[in-house]
Amino acid sequence: MQVRMIKAVLFDLDNTLIDFMKVKRSSIDAAINAMLAAGVRLKKKDATKKLYDIYWKVGIEHRLIFQKFLKAVTGKVDPKALAEGIVAYRRAQAEIAQPYADVIPTLKQLKKRLKLAIVSDAPRLKAWIRLVELGIQDYFDLVVCHEDTGEYKHTGLPFKRALRLLRLKPEQCLMVGDWPERDIVGAKKLGIRTIFARYGATKKIRKSGADFEIGSVKEVVDVVKRLRAKEW
């Protein structure tokens, strides 16, 4: 394997380029406040617990989450309370969403020499909305989301699609992600070298299984330079 042939960096999105859980928590809090103010009779603590319980059951990206929440706590879906919750959620998300420090300078530096791609398990529209909110949508040559294969990253299929569309071999790419079971395992199945974004991990992970580990996104540049020492 010629390690100097790195030609592309693939990035996970949530918790790798953006502090997704911070944005999620703030947006959920705003939505709950709005629905309670709209007439949902429940203590804030109980409402928060109930909504998170539903999230963990149906998925953190479920598009009908507030409908399920209202049905569960009131027995019906009041359109006013639903609208208040959705609007508050979206406003909070737009206000707080921003990339991690050094993301934009890092992308600018990498873009000068390499192809860049997003490989995400998020729904396509939500992934694109986050990219646009962050102002980084134009840095990427390719965005692969869940709908593109119908499979999640641990299967390796989203990575296989990215390689095919980029017209590159596995050894020519690096994958950067915060979730070992998906980002690292899925990429390594195809022979893609991996970088674990330890700064974005939402739980303590002793061993990531990645080829490299970083404490800041800007360290991706250092890894690429090491692998392309004769070309950089």
C-alpha atoms as a PDB file:
ATOM      1  CA  MET A   1       0.000   0.000   0.000  1.00  0.00           C
ATOM      2  CA  GLN A   2       1.390   3.379  -0.959  1.00  0.00           C
ATOM      3  CA  VAL A   3       0.433   5.565   1.979  1.00  0.00           C
ATOM      4  CA  ARG A   4       1.323   8.743   0.135  1.00  0.00           C
ATOM      5  CA  MET A   5      -1.621   8.316  -2.233  1.00  0.00           C
ATOM      6  CA  ILE A   6      -4.274   9.898  -0.009  1.00  0.00           C
ATOM      7  CA  LYS A   7      -6.603  11.792  -2.331  1.00  0.00           C
ATOM      8  CA  ALA A   8      -9.765  12.265  -0.277  1.00  0.00           C
ATOM      9  CA  VAL A   9     -10.974  12.731   3.279  1.00  0.00           C
ATOM     10  CA  LEU A  10     -14.421  11.452   4.204  1.00  0.00           C
ATOM     11  CA  PHE A  11     -16.126  13.045   7.199  1.00  0.00           C
ATOM     12  CA  ASP A  12     -18.962  12.018   9.418  1.00  0.00           C
ATOM     13  CA  LEU A  13     -21.167  15.039  10.142  1.00  0.00           C
ATOM     14  CA  ASP A  14     -22.807  14.939  13.574  1.00  0.00           C
ATOM     15  CA  ASN A  15     -20.376  15.236  16.507  1.00  0.00           C
ATOM     16  CA  THR A  16     -17.473  15.297  14.036  1.00  0.00           C
ATOM     17  CA  LEU A  17     -18.001  18.674  12.349  1.00  0.00           C
ATOM     18  CA  ILE A  18     -20.739  19.951  14.673  1.00  0.00           C
ATOM     19  CA  ASP A  19     -21.529  19.401  18.347  1.00  0.00           C
ATOM     20  CA  PHE A  20     -24.780  17.712  17.393  1.00  0.00           C
ATOM     21  CA  MET A  21     -25.887  16.679  20.874  1.00  0.00           C
ATOM     22  CA  LYS A  22     -25.397  20.204  22.232  1.00  0.00           C
ATOM     23  CA  VAL A  23     -27.576  21.579  19.442  1.00  0.00           C
ATOM     24  CA  LYS A  24     -30.095  18.778  19.949  1.00  0.00           C
ATOM     25  CA  ARG A  25     -30.424  19.375  23.688  1.00  0.00           C
ATOM     26  CA  SER A  26     -30.904  23.114  23.268  1.00  0.00           C
ATOM     27  CA  SER A  27     -33.455  22.656  20.483  1.00  0.00           C
ATOM     28  CA  ILE A  28     -35.419  20.061  22.427  1.00  0.00           C
ATOM     29  CA  ASP A  29     -35.475  22.320  25.487  1.00  0.00           C
ATOM     30  CA  ALA A  30     -36.864  25.190  23.411  1.00  0.00           C
ATOM     31  CA  ALA A  31     -39.518  22.925  21.876  1.00  0.00           C
ATOM     32  CA  ILE A  32     -40.658  21.636  25.264  1.00  0.00           C
ATOM     33  CA  ASN A  33     -40.923  25.162  26.659  1.00  0.00           C
ATOM     34  CA  ALA A  34     -42.997  26.210  23.665  1.00  0.00           C
ATOM     35  CA  MET A  35     -45.388  23.247  23.881  1.00  0.00           C
ATOM     36  CA  LEU A  36     -45.884  23.754  27.615  1.00  0.00           C
ATOM     37  CA  ALA A  37     -46.590  27.440  27.027  1.00  0.00           C
ATOM     38  CA  ALA A  38     -49.103  26.410  24.352  1.00  0.00           C
ATOM     39  CA  GLY A  39     -51.161  24.504  26.905  1.00  0.00           C
ATOM     40  CA  VAL A  40     -49.613  21.074  27.397  1.00  0.00           C
ATOM     41  CA  ARG A  41     -50.152  20.389  31.087  1.00  0.00           C
ATOM     42  CA  LEU A  42     -47.059  18.657  32.324  1.00  0.00           C
ATOM     43  CA  LYS A  43     -44.119  19.519  34.546  1.00  0.00           C
ATOM     44  CA  LYS A  44     -41.001  20.499  32.613  1.00  0.00           C
ATOM     45  CA  LYS A  45     -38.969  17.685  34.165  1.00  0.00           C
ATOM     46  CA  ASP A  46     -41.577  15.054  33.295  1.00  0.00           C
ATOM     47  CA  ALA A  47     -42.029  16.402  29.751  1.00  0.00           C
ATOM     48  CA  THR A  48     -38.292  16.326  29.124  1.00  0.00           C
ATOM     49  CA  LYS A  49     -37.953  12.759  30.371  1.00  0.00           C
ATOM     50  CA  LYS A  50     -40.915  11.595  28.298  1.00  0.00           C
ATOM     51  CA  LEU A  51     -39.623  13.197  25.100  1.00  0.00           C
ATOM     52  CA  TYR A  52     -36.144  11.706  25.499  1.00  0.00           C
ATOM     53  CA  ASP A  53     -37.636   8.297  26.271  1.00  0.00           C
ATOM     54  CA  ILE A  54     -39.465   8.465  22.941  1.00  0.00           C
ATOM     55  CA  TYR A  55     -36.331   9.652  21.150  1.00  0.00           C
ATOM     56  CA  TRP A  56     -34.271   6.717  22.417  1.00  0.00           C
ATOM     57  CA  LYS A  57     -37.029   4.332  21.370  1.00  0.00           C
ATOM     58  CA  VAL A  58     -37.772   5.577  17.833  1.00  0.00           C
ATOM     59  CA  GLY A  59     -34.487   7.288  16.919  1.00  0.00           C
ATOM     60  CA  ILE A  60     -32.904  10.675  17.477  1.00  0.00           C
ATOM     61  CA  GLU A  61     -33.826  11.828  13.950  1.00  0.00           C
ATOM     62  CA  HIS A  62     -37.473  10.652  13.876  1.00  0.00           C
ATOM     63  CA  ARG A  63     -39.467  13.168  11.831  1.00  0.00           C
ATOM     64  CA  LEU A  64     -42.714  12.733  13.795  1.00  0.00           C
ATOM     65  CA  ILE A  65     -41.201  12.940  17.260  1.00  0.00           C
ATOM     66  CA  PHE A  66     -43.344  15.818  18.525  1.00  0.00           C
ATOM     67  CA  GLN A  67     -46.528  14.208  17.239  1.00  0.00           C
ATOM     68  CA  LYS A  68     -45.637  11.051  19.148  1.00  0.00           C
ATOM     69  CA  PHE A  69     -44.824  13.087  22.234  1.00  0.00           C
ATOM     70  CA  LEU A  70     -48.124  14.988  22.213  1.00  0.00           C
ATOM     71  CA  LYS A  71     -50.112  11.822  21.572  1.00  0.00           C
ATOM     72  CA  ALA A  72     -48.367  10.113  24.472  1.00  0.00           C
ATOM     73  CA  VAL A  73     -48.859  12.903  27.036  1.00  0.00           C
ATOM     74  CA  THR A  74     -52.231  14.360  25.997  1.00  0.00           C
ATOM     75  CA  GLY A  75     -53.871  11.603  23.984  1.00  0.00           C
ATOM     76  CA  LYS A  76     -54.102  13.810  20.892  1.00  0.00           C
ATOM     77  CA  VAL A  77     -52.008  15.984  18.599  1.00  0.00           C
ATOM     78  CA  ASP A  78     -53.016  19.596  19.102  1.00  0.00           C
ATOM     79  CA  PRO A  79     -51.948  21.507  15.944  1.00  0.00           C
ATOM     80  CA  LYS A  80     -51.176  24.713  17.844  1.00  0.00           C
ATOM     81  CA  ALA A  81     -48.928  22.998  20.380  1.00  0.00           C
ATOM     82  CA  LEU A  82     -47.284  20.996  17.592  1.00  0.00           C
ATOM     83  CA  ALA A  83     -46.593  24.105  15.512  1.00  0.00           C
ATOM     84  CA  GLU A  84     -45.227  25.983  18.527  1.00  0.00           C
ATOM     85  CA  GLY A  85     -42.860  23.105  19.309  1.00  0.00           C
ATOM     86  CA  ILE A  86     -41.614  22.679  15.754  1.00  0.00           C
ATOM     87  CA  VAL A  87     -41.006  26.396  15.199  1.00  0.00           C
ATOM     88  CA  ALA A  88     -39.214  26.791  18.543  1.00  0.00           C
ATOM     89  CA  TYR A  89     -37.059  23.770  17.784  1.00  0.00           C
ATOM     90  CA  ARG A  90     -36.072  25.073  14.352  1.00  0.00           C
ATOM     91  CA  ARG A  91     -35.340  28.585  15.627  1.00  0.00           C
ATOM     92  CA  ALA A  92     -33.129  27.299  18.425  1.00  0.00           C
ATOM     93  CA  GLN A  93     -31.337  24.956  16.039  1.00  0.00           C
ATOM     94  CA  ALA A  94     -30.624  27.741  13.562  1.00  0.00           C
ATOM     95  CA  GLU A  95     -29.389  30.074  16.304  1.00  0.00           C
ATOM     96  CA  ILE A  96     -26.988  27.682  18.002  1.00  0.00           C
ATOM     97  CA  ALA A  97     -25.772  25.559  15.091  1.00  0.00           C
ATOM     98  CA  GLN A  98     -22.145  26.241  14.271  1.00  0.00           C
ATOM     99  CA  PRO A  99     -19.180  24.055  13.387  1.00  0.00           C
ATOM    100  CA  TYR A 100     -16.556  23.098  15.911  1.00  0.00           C
ATOM    101  CA  ALA A 101     -13.701  25.562  16.193  1.00  0.00           C
ATOM    102  CA  ASP A 102     -11.153  25.101  13.381  1.00  0.00           C
ATOM    103  CA  VAL A 103     -13.567  23.183  11.117  1.00  0.00           C
ATOM    104  CA  ILE A 104     -13.708  25.841   8.404  1.00  0.00           C
ATOM    105  CA  PRO A 105      -9.936  26.584   8.360  1.00  0.00           C
ATOM    106  CA  THR A 106      -9.282  22.840   8.262  1.00  0.00           C
ATOM    107  CA  LEU A 107     -11.685  22.255   5.385  1.00  0.00           C
ATOM    108  CA  LYS A 108     -10.168  25.184   3.474  1.00  0.00           C
ATOM    109  CA  GLN A 109      -6.670  23.777   3.872  1.00  0.00           C
ATOM    110  CA  LEU A 110      -7.642  20.236   2.915  1.00  0.00           C
ATOM    111  CA  LYS A 111      -9.742  21.382  -0.042  1.00  0.00           C
ATOM    112  CA  LYS A 112      -6.682  22.858  -1.741  1.00  0.00           C
ATOM    113  CA  ARG A 113      -5.217  19.390  -2.338  1.00  0.00           C
ATOM    114  CA  LEU A 114      -7.875  16.761  -1.703  1.00  0.00           C
ATOM    115  CA  LYS A 115     -11.443  15.774  -2.449  1.00  0.00           C
ATOM    116  CA  LEU A 116     -13.777  16.037   0.537  1.00  0.00           C
ATOM    117  CA  ALA A 117     -16.952  14.089   1.221  1.00  0.00           C
ATOM    118  CA  ILE A 118     -19.602  13.594   3.876  1.00  0.00           C
ATOM    119  CA  VAL A 119     -20.731  10.069   4.730  1.00  0.00           C
ATOM    120  CA  SER A 120     -23.604  10.286   7.190  1.00  0.00           C
ATOM    121  CA  ASP A 121     -26.331   8.025   8.546  1.00  0.00           C
ATOM    122  CA  ALA A 122     -28.614  11.059   8.837  1.00  0.00           C
ATOM    123  CA  PRO A 123     -31.617  11.545   6.519  1.00  0.00           C
ATOM    124  CA  ARG A 124     -30.585  13.441   3.387  1.00  0.00           C
ATOM    125  CA  LEU A 125     -32.597  16.625   3.937  1.00  0.00           C
ATOM    126  CA  LYS A 126     -31.589  16.957   7.585  1.00  0.00           C
ATOM    127  CA  ALA A 127     -27.939  16.464   6.706  1.00  0.00           C
ATOM    128  CA  TRP A 128     -28.101  19.139   4.002  1.00  0.00           C
ATOM    129  CA  ILE A 129     -29.943  21.547   6.293  1.00  0.00           C
ATOM    130  CA  ARG A 130     -27.206  21.181   8.886  1.00  0.00           C
ATOM    131  CA  LEU A 131     -24.485  21.701   6.277  1.00  0.00           C
ATOM    132  CA  VAL A 132     -26.175  24.870   5.050  1.00  0.00           C
ATOM    133  CA  GLU A 133     -26.781  26.131   8.610  1.00  0.00           C
ATOM    134  CA  LEU A 134     -23.084  25.641   9.294  1.00  0.00           C
ATOM    135  CA  GLY A 135     -22.127  27.373   6.048  1.00  0.00           C
ATOM    136  CA  ILE A 136     -19.881  24.500   4.913  1.00  0.00           C
ATOM    137  CA  GLN A 137     -22.001  22.946   2.163  1.00  0.00           C
ATOM    138  CA  ASP A 138     -19.713  24.047  -0.677  1.00  0.00           C
ATOM    139  CA  TYR A 139     -16.567  22.396   0.657  1.00  0.00           C
ATOM    140  CA  PHE A 140     -17.732  18.895  -0.210  1.00  0.00           C
ATOM    141  CA  ASP A 141     -17.512  17.114  -3.541  1.00  0.00           C
ATOM    142  CA  LEU A 142     -19.971  14.466  -2.387  1.00  0.00           C
ATOM    143  CA  VAL A 143     -22.565  13.910   0.338  1.00  0.00           C
ATOM    144  CA  VAL A 144     -23.748  10.353   0.998  1.00  0.00           C
ATOM    145  CA  CYS A 145     -26.725   9.948   3.335  1.00  0.00           C
ATOM    146  CA  HIS A 146     -28.906   7.090   4.535  1.00  0.00           C
ATOM    147  CA  GLU A 147     -31.350   7.198   1.603  1.00  0.00           C
ATOM    148  CA  ASP A 148     -28.535   6.711  -0.898  1.00  0.00           C
ATOM    149  CA  THR A 149     -28.051   3.056   0.076  1.00  0.00           C
ATOM    150  CA  GLY A 150     -30.798   2.322   2.593  1.00  0.00           C
ATOM    151  CA  GLU A 151     -28.050   0.989   4.864  1.00  0.00           C
ATOM    152  CA  TYR A 152     -26.080   2.384   7.770  1.00  0.00           C
ATOM    153  CA  LYS A 153     -22.333   2.872   7.836  1.00  0.00           C
ATOM    154  CA  HIS A 154     -21.466  -0.219   9.838  1.00  0.00           C
ATOM    155  CA  THR A 155     -22.379  -2.311   6.763  1.00  0.00           C
ATOM    156  CA  GLY A 156     -19.742  -0.561   4.661  1.00  0.00           C
ATOM    157  CA  LEU A 157     -22.200   0.133   1.822  1.00  0.00           C
ATOM    158  CA  PRO A 158     -22.322   3.936   2.220  1.00  0.00           C
ATOM    159  CA  PHE A 159     -18.522   3.980   2.031  1.00  0.00           C
ATOM    160  CA  LYS A 160     -18.572   1.764  -1.021  1.00  0.00           C
ATOM    161  CA  ARG A 161     -20.916   4.240  -2.726  1.00  0.00           C
ATOM    162  CA  ALA A 162     -18.648   7.157  -1.809  1.00  0.00           C
ATOM    163  CA  LEU A 163     -15.610   5.385  -3.255  1.00  0.00           C
ATOM    164  CA  ARG A 164     -17.456   4.590  -6.475  1.00  0.00           C
ATOM    165  CA  LEU A 165     -18.668   8.149  -7.000  1.00  0.00           C
ATOM    166  CA  LEU A 166     -15.290   9.650  -6.105  1.00  0.00           C
ATOM    167  CA  ARG A 167     -13.604   7.087  -8.385  1.00  0.00           C
ATOM    168  CA  LEU A 168     -11.049   6.274  -5.733  1.00  0.00           C
ATOM    169  CA  LYS A 169      -9.689   3.147  -4.086  1.00  0.00           C
ATOM    170  CA  PRO A 170     -10.005   2.535  -0.328  1.00  0.00           C
ATOM    171  CA  GLU A 171      -6.298   3.120   0.288  1.00  0.00           C
ATOM    172  CA  GLN A 172      -6.627   6.581  -1.257  1.00  0.00           C
ATOM    173  CA  CYS A 173      -9.087   7.753   1.412  1.00  0.00           C
ATOM    174  CA  LEU A 174      -9.283   8.620   5.087  1.00  0.00           C
ATOM    175  CA  MET A 175     -12.471   8.493   7.153  1.00  0.00           C
ATOM    176  CA  VAL A 176     -12.967  10.811  10.140  1.00  0.00           C
ATOM    177  CA  GLY A 177     -15.717   9.984  12.626  1.00  0.00           C
ATOM    178  CA  ASP A 178     -16.730   9.879  16.287  1.00  0.00           C
ATOM    179  CA  TRP A 179     -18.670   6.581  16.399  1.00  0.00           C
ATOM    180  CA  PRO A 180     -16.380   3.505  16.298  1.00  0.00           C
ATOM    181  CA  GLU A 181     -19.172   0.993  15.660  1.00  0.00           C
ATOM    182  CA  ARG A 182     -20.227   2.810  12.508  1.00  0.00           C
ATOM    183  CA  ASP A 183     -17.558   5.239  11.299  1.00  0.00           C
ATOM    184  CA  ILE A 184     -14.521   3.115  12.071  1.00  0.00           C
ATOM    185  CA  VAL A 185     -15.853  -0.420  11.612  1.00  0.00           C
ATOM    186  CA  GLY A 186     -17.701   0.369   8.382  1.00  0.00           C
ATOM    187  CA  ALA A 187     -14.769   2.146   6.740  1.00  0.00           C
ATOM    188  CA  LYS A 188     -12.184  -0.446   7.776  1.00  0.00           C
ATOM    189  CA  LYS A 189     -14.287  -3.213   6.232  1.00  0.00           C
ATOM    190  CA  LEU A 190     -13.329  -1.751   2.868  1.00  0.00           C
ATOM    191  CA  GLY A 191      -9.723  -0.970   3.717  1.00  0.00           C
ATOM    192  CA  ILE A 192     -10.194   2.762   4.289  1.00  0.00           C
ATOM    193  CA  ARG A 193      -7.848   4.124   6.934  1.00  0.00           C
ATOM    194  CA  THR A 194      -9.629   5.783   9.814  1.00  0.00           C
ATOM    195  CA  ILE A 195      -9.329   8.709  12.204  1.00  0.00           C
ATOM    196  CA  PHE A 196     -11.293   8.653  15.465  1.00  0.00           C
ATOM    197  CA  ALA A 197     -12.606  12.098  16.467  1.00  0.00           C
ATOM    198  CA  ARG A 198     -12.263  11.591  20.200  1.00  0.00           C
ATOM    199  CA  TYR A 199     -13.378  15.174  20.848  1.00  0.00           C
ATOM    200  CA  GLY A 200     -16.829  14.371  19.483  1.00  0.00           C
ATOM    201  CA  ALA A 201     -17.505  11.030  21.150  1.00  0.00           C
ATOM    202  CA  THR A 202     -20.689  11.176  23.242  1.00  0.00           C
ATOM    203  CA  LYS A 203     -19.483   8.433  25.610  1.00  0.00           C
ATOM    204  CA  LYS A 204     -16.170   7.303  27.053  1.00  0.00           C
ATOM    205  CA  ILE A 205     -14.406   5.007  24.625  1.00  0.00           C
ATOM    206  CA  ARG A 206     -11.142   3.368  25.601  1.00  0.00           C
ATOM    207  CA  LYS A 207     -10.236   1.769  22.301  1.00  0.00           C
ATOM    208  CA  SER A 208     -11.637   3.103  19.045  1.00  0.00           C
ATOM    209  CA  GLY A 209      -9.969   0.631  16.700  1.00  0.00           C
ATOM    210  CA  ALA A 210      -8.990   3.516  14.428  1.00  0.00           C
ATOM    211  CA  ASP A 211      -5.639   3.954  12.721  1.00  0.00           C
ATOM    212  CA  PHE A 212      -5.309   7.451  14.187  1.00  0.00           C
ATOM    213  CA  GLU A 213      -6.979   9.425  16.976  1.00  0.00           C
ATOM    214  CA  ILE A 214      -7.357  13.189  17.203  1.00  0.00           C
ATOM    215  CA  GLY A 215      -8.397  15.640  19.909  1.00  0.00           C
ATOM    216  CA  SER A 216      -9.304  18.426  17.493  1.00  0.00           C
ATOM    217  CA  VAL A 217     -10.482  18.502  13.894  1.00  0.00           C
ATOM    218  CA  LYS A 218      -7.440  20.544  12.863  1.00  0.00           C
ATOM    219  CA  GLU A 219      -5.276  17.485  13.561  1.00  0.00           C
ATOM    220  CA  VAL A 220      -6.700  15.859  10.418  1.00  0.00           C
ATOM    221  CA  VAL A 221      -4.281  18.039   8.458  1.00  0.00           C
ATOM    222  CA  ASP A 222      -1.350  16.665  10.458  1.00  0.00           C
ATOM    223  CA  VAL A 223      -2.405  13.080   9.708  1.00  0.00           C
ATOM    224  CA  VAL A 224      -2.735  13.805   6.000  1.00  0.00           C
ATOM    225  CA  LYS A 225       0.659  15.485   5.951  1.00  0.00           C
ATOM    226  CA  ARG A 226       2.246  12.433   7.554  1.00  0.00           C
ATOM    227  CA  LEU A 227       0.699  10.144   4.957  1.00  0.00           C
ATOM    228  CA  ARG A 228       1.553  12.462   2.075  1.00  0.00           C
ATOM    229  CA  ALA A 229       4.936  13.591   3.363  1.00  0.00           C
ATOM    230  CA  LYS A 230       6.562  13.415  -0.076  1.00  0.00           C
ATOM    231  CA  GLU A 231       3.734  15.285  -1.812  1.00  0.00           C
ATOM    232  CA  TRP A 232       2.507  17.938   0.659  1.00  0.00           C
END
